[in-house]
Amino acid sequence: MPHNYPSFDALDWNTIQPHFDALLAAELTAATARDWLQTWSDLVSVLDETSAQIYREITENTADAAADARFKTLVTQI
């Protein structure tokens, strides 16, 4: 089964929220559970990848103000 990673700005809750809202609104049954879980997994994968990338940036260069700002956005808004 191919993965359908969503496309959004992982540092902008307004672009992430519709994906979570769709999951919350979806009817979860035995028949839909597999697809629902795959969608959840794909969404979380994008967020985890962004988090890992930003963490790498702030630890490799502690003087990187742009990375620090992205990190602060991630932890305070997302």
N, C-alpha and C. Protein backbone atom coordinates (compact mmCIF):
# COMPACT_ATOMS: atom_id res chain seq x y z
N MET A 1 0.85 -1.18 0.00
CA MET A 1 0.00 0.00 0.00
C MET A 1 0.90 1.24 0.00
N PRO A 2 0.73 2.13 -0.96
CA PRO A 2 1.57 3.34 -1.01
C PRO A 2 1.23 4.31 0.12
N HIS A 3 2.23 5.03 0.55
CA HIS A 3 2.01 6.04 1.59
C HIS A 3 1.57 7.34 0.92
N ASN A 4 0.69 8.03 1.58
CA ASN A 4 0.18 9.30 1.06
C ASN A 4 0.52 10.40 2.04
N TYR A 5 1.78 10.76 2.08
CA TYR A 5 2.22 11.78 3.03
C TYR A 5 1.56 13.11 2.69
N PRO A 6 0.90 13.71 3.67
CA PRO A 6 0.24 14.98 3.40
C PRO A 6 1.25 16.10 3.16
N SER A 7 0.84 17.07 2.41
CA SER A 7 1.69 18.22 2.13
C SER A 7 1.12 19.42 2.89
N PHE A 8 1.95 19.97 3.77
CA PHE A 8 1.54 21.14 4.53
C PHE A 8 2.78 21.78 5.12
N ASP A 9 2.61 22.99 5.63
CA ASP A 9 3.69 23.68 6.33
C ASP A 9 3.65 23.19 7.77
N ALA A 10 4.62 22.38 8.15
CA ALA A 10 4.63 21.74 9.47
C ALA A 10 4.86 22.73 10.61
N LEU A 11 5.09 23.98 10.29
CA LEU A 11 5.23 24.99 11.33
C LEU A 11 4.06 25.97 11.33
N ASP A 12 3.00 25.60 10.64
CA ASP A 12 1.79 26.44 10.59
C ASP A 12 0.59 25.58 10.94
N TRP A 13 0.09 25.74 12.16
CA TRP A 13 -1.01 24.91 12.63
C TRP A 13 -2.22 24.99 11.71
N ASN A 14 -2.44 26.14 11.09
CA ASN A 14 -3.60 26.29 10.20
C ASN A 14 -3.54 25.35 9.01
N THR A 15 -2.35 24.93 8.61
CA THR A 15 -2.25 23.98 7.50
C THR A 15 -2.25 22.53 7.99
N ILE A 16 -1.97 22.33 9.26
CA ILE A 16 -1.96 20.98 9.85
C ILE A 16 -3.35 20.59 10.35
N GLN A 17 -4.03 21.52 10.96
CA GLN A 17 -5.31 21.25 11.62
C GLN A 17 -6.32 20.53 10.73
N PRO A 18 -6.49 20.90 9.47
CA PRO A 18 -7.49 20.18 8.66
C PRO A 18 -7.22 18.68 8.57
N HIS A 19 -5.96 18.29 8.60
CA HIS A 19 -5.63 16.86 8.54
C HIS A 19 -6.07 16.15 9.83
N PHE A 20 -5.84 16.81 10.96
CA PHE A 20 -6.30 16.24 12.23
C PHE A 20 -7.82 16.25 12.30
N ASP A 21 -8.44 17.33 11.84
CA ASP A 21 -9.90 17.41 11.86
C ASP A 21 -10.52 16.30 11.02
N ALA A 22 -9.91 16.00 9.87
CA ALA A 22 -10.43 14.93 9.02
C ALA A 22 -10.34 13.58 9.73
N LEU A 23 -9.26 13.36 10.45
CA LEU A 23 -9.13 12.11 11.21
C LEU A 23 -10.17 12.04 12.32
N LEU A 24 -10.38 13.15 13.00
CA LEU A 24 -11.37 13.17 14.08
C LEU A 24 -12.79 12.96 13.56
N ALA A 25 -13.05 13.45 12.36
CA ALA A 25 -14.40 13.36 11.79
C ALA A 25 -14.66 12.01 11.11
N ALA A 26 -13.62 11.28 10.79
CA ALA A 26 -13.78 10.02 10.07
C ALA A 26 -14.45 8.97 10.95
N GLU A 27 -15.31 8.19 10.33
CA GLU A 27 -15.93 7.08 11.04
C GLU A 27 -14.90 5.97 11.17
N LEU A 28 -14.65 5.56 12.37
CA LEU A 28 -13.65 4.53 12.62
C LEU A 28 -14.36 3.21 12.91
N THR A 29 -14.20 2.29 11.98
CA THR A 29 -14.81 0.96 12.11
C THR A 29 -13.72 -0.07 11.80
N ALA A 30 -14.06 -1.32 11.98
CA ALA A 30 -13.11 -2.38 11.63
C ALA A 30 -12.71 -2.29 10.16
N ALA A 31 -13.66 -1.90 9.33
CA ALA A 31 -13.39 -1.82 7.89
C ALA A 31 -12.52 -0.62 7.51
N THR A 32 -12.58 0.45 8.30
CA THR A 32 -11.84 1.66 7.96
C THR A 32 -10.58 1.85 8.80
N ALA A 33 -10.39 0.99 9.80
CA ALA A 33 -9.29 1.18 10.75
C ALA A 33 -7.93 1.19 10.08
N ARG A 34 -7.69 0.30 9.15
CA ARG A 34 -6.37 0.22 8.51
C ARG A 34 -6.03 1.52 7.78
N ASP A 35 -6.96 2.02 6.98
CA ASP A 35 -6.72 3.27 6.25
C ASP A 35 -6.59 4.45 7.20
N TRP A 36 -7.42 4.47 8.25
CA TRP A 36 -7.34 5.55 9.23
C TRP A 36 -5.98 5.56 9.90
N LEU A 37 -5.52 4.40 10.31
CA LEU A 37 -4.21 4.30 10.96
C LEU A 37 -3.08 4.68 10.02
N GLN A 38 -3.21 4.33 8.74
CA GLN A 38 -2.19 4.71 7.77
C GLN A 38 -2.16 6.23 7.59
N THR A 39 -3.33 6.84 7.53
CA THR A 39 -3.41 8.29 7.41
C THR A 39 -2.79 8.96 8.63
N TRP A 40 -3.11 8.46 9.83
CA TRP A 40 -2.53 8.97 11.07
C TRP A 40 -1.01 8.83 11.03
N SER A 41 -0.55 7.67 10.65
CA SER A 41 0.88 7.40 10.60
C SER A 41 1.60 8.33 9.62
N ASP A 42 0.99 8.54 8.46
CA ASP A 42 1.58 9.43 7.47
C ASP A 42 1.66 10.86 8.00
N LEU A 43 0.62 11.31 8.65
CA LEU A 43 0.59 12.66 9.21
C LEU A 43 1.68 12.82 10.28
N VAL A 44 1.74 11.89 11.18
CA VAL A 44 2.73 11.96 12.25
C VAL A 44 4.15 11.85 11.70
N SER A 45 4.33 11.07 10.64
CA SER A 45 5.65 10.95 10.02
C SER A 45 6.17 12.29 9.52
N VAL A 46 5.29 13.06 8.90
CA VAL A 46 5.69 14.38 8.40
C VAL A 46 6.09 15.28 9.57
N LEU A 47 5.29 15.26 10.62
CA LEU A 47 5.59 16.10 11.79
C LEU A 47 6.87 15.65 12.48
N ASP A 48 7.05 14.34 12.62
CA ASP A 48 8.27 13.82 13.25
C ASP A 48 9.52 14.17 12.43
N GLU A 49 9.41 14.08 11.12
CA GLU A 49 10.55 14.41 10.26
C GLU A 49 10.92 15.88 10.41
N THR A 50 9.92 16.75 10.45
CA THR A 50 10.18 18.17 10.64
C THR A 50 10.84 18.42 11.98
N SER A 51 10.32 17.79 13.01
CA SER A 51 10.88 17.94 14.35
C SER A 51 12.34 17.47 14.39
N ALA A 52 12.63 16.34 13.79
CA ALA A 52 13.99 15.82 13.78
C ALA A 52 14.93 16.74 13.01
N GLN A 53 14.46 17.26 11.89
CA GLN A 53 15.28 18.17 11.09
C GLN A 53 15.61 19.44 11.87
N ILE A 54 14.62 20.01 12.51
CA ILE A 54 14.85 21.24 13.27
C ILE A 54 15.77 20.97 14.46
N TYR A 55 15.56 19.85 15.14
CA TYR A 55 16.42 19.51 16.27
C TYR A 55 17.88 19.35 15.81
N ARG A 56 18.05 18.70 14.67
CA ARG A 56 19.41 18.54 14.12
C ARG A 56 20.02 19.91 13.84
N GLU A 57 19.25 20.79 13.26
CA GLU A 57 19.76 22.13 12.94
C GLU A 57 20.18 22.89 14.19
N ILE A 58 19.38 22.85 15.24
CA ILE A 58 19.73 23.63 16.43
C ILE A 58 20.87 23.01 17.23
N THR A 59 21.08 21.72 17.07
CA THR A 59 22.19 21.11 17.80
C THR A 59 23.50 21.18 17.02
N GLU A 60 23.43 21.24 15.71
CA GLU A 60 24.64 21.35 14.90
C GLU A 60 25.19 22.77 14.90
N ASN A 61 24.32 23.75 15.02
CA ASN A 61 24.75 25.14 15.00
C ASN A 61 23.90 25.92 16.00
N THR A 62 24.37 26.02 17.21
CA THR A 62 23.59 26.67 18.26
C THR A 62 23.43 28.17 18.03
N ALA A 63 24.18 28.73 17.09
CA ALA A 63 24.07 30.16 16.78
C ALA A 63 23.09 30.43 15.64
N ASP A 64 22.46 29.39 15.09
CA ASP A 64 21.53 29.55 13.97
C ASP A 64 20.21 30.12 14.48
N ALA A 65 20.04 31.41 14.34
CA ALA A 65 18.85 32.09 14.86
C ALA A 65 17.58 31.64 14.14
N ALA A 66 17.67 31.38 12.85
CA ALA A 66 16.49 30.94 12.10
C ALA A 66 16.04 29.56 12.57
N ALA A 67 16.97 28.66 12.80
CA ALA A 67 16.63 27.33 13.30
C ALA A 67 16.05 27.44 14.70
N ASP A 68 16.61 28.31 15.51
CA ASP A 68 16.09 28.50 16.86
C ASP A 68 14.66 29.02 16.81
N ALA A 69 14.38 29.92 15.91
CA ALA A 69 13.02 30.45 15.78
C ALA A 69 12.06 29.35 15.33
N ARG A 70 12.49 28.50 14.38
CA ARG A 70 11.64 27.38 13.94
C ARG A 70 11.39 26.42 15.10
N PHE A 71 12.42 26.15 15.90
CA PHE A 71 12.28 25.27 17.04
C PHE A 71 11.26 25.84 18.04
N LYS A 72 11.37 27.12 18.32
CA LYS A 72 10.44 27.75 19.25
C LYS A 72 9.01 27.72 18.73
N THR A 73 8.84 27.91 17.43
CA THR A 73 7.51 27.80 16.84
C THR A 73 6.99 26.39 17.00
N LEU A 74 7.82 25.41 16.73
CA LEU A 74 7.43 24.02 16.85
C LEU A 74 6.95 23.68 18.26
N VAL A 75 7.72 24.05 19.25
CA VAL A 75 7.38 23.65 20.61
C VAL A 75 6.28 24.51 21.25
N THR A 76 6.07 25.71 20.78
CA THR A 76 5.06 26.55 21.41
C THR A 76 3.73 26.58 20.65
N GLN A 77 3.76 26.33 19.34
CA GLN A 77 2.54 26.44 18.56
C GLN A 77 2.03 25.13 17.98
N ILE A 78 2.92 24.21 17.77
CA ILE A 78 2.52 22.94 17.14
C ILE A 78 2.40 21.86 18.19
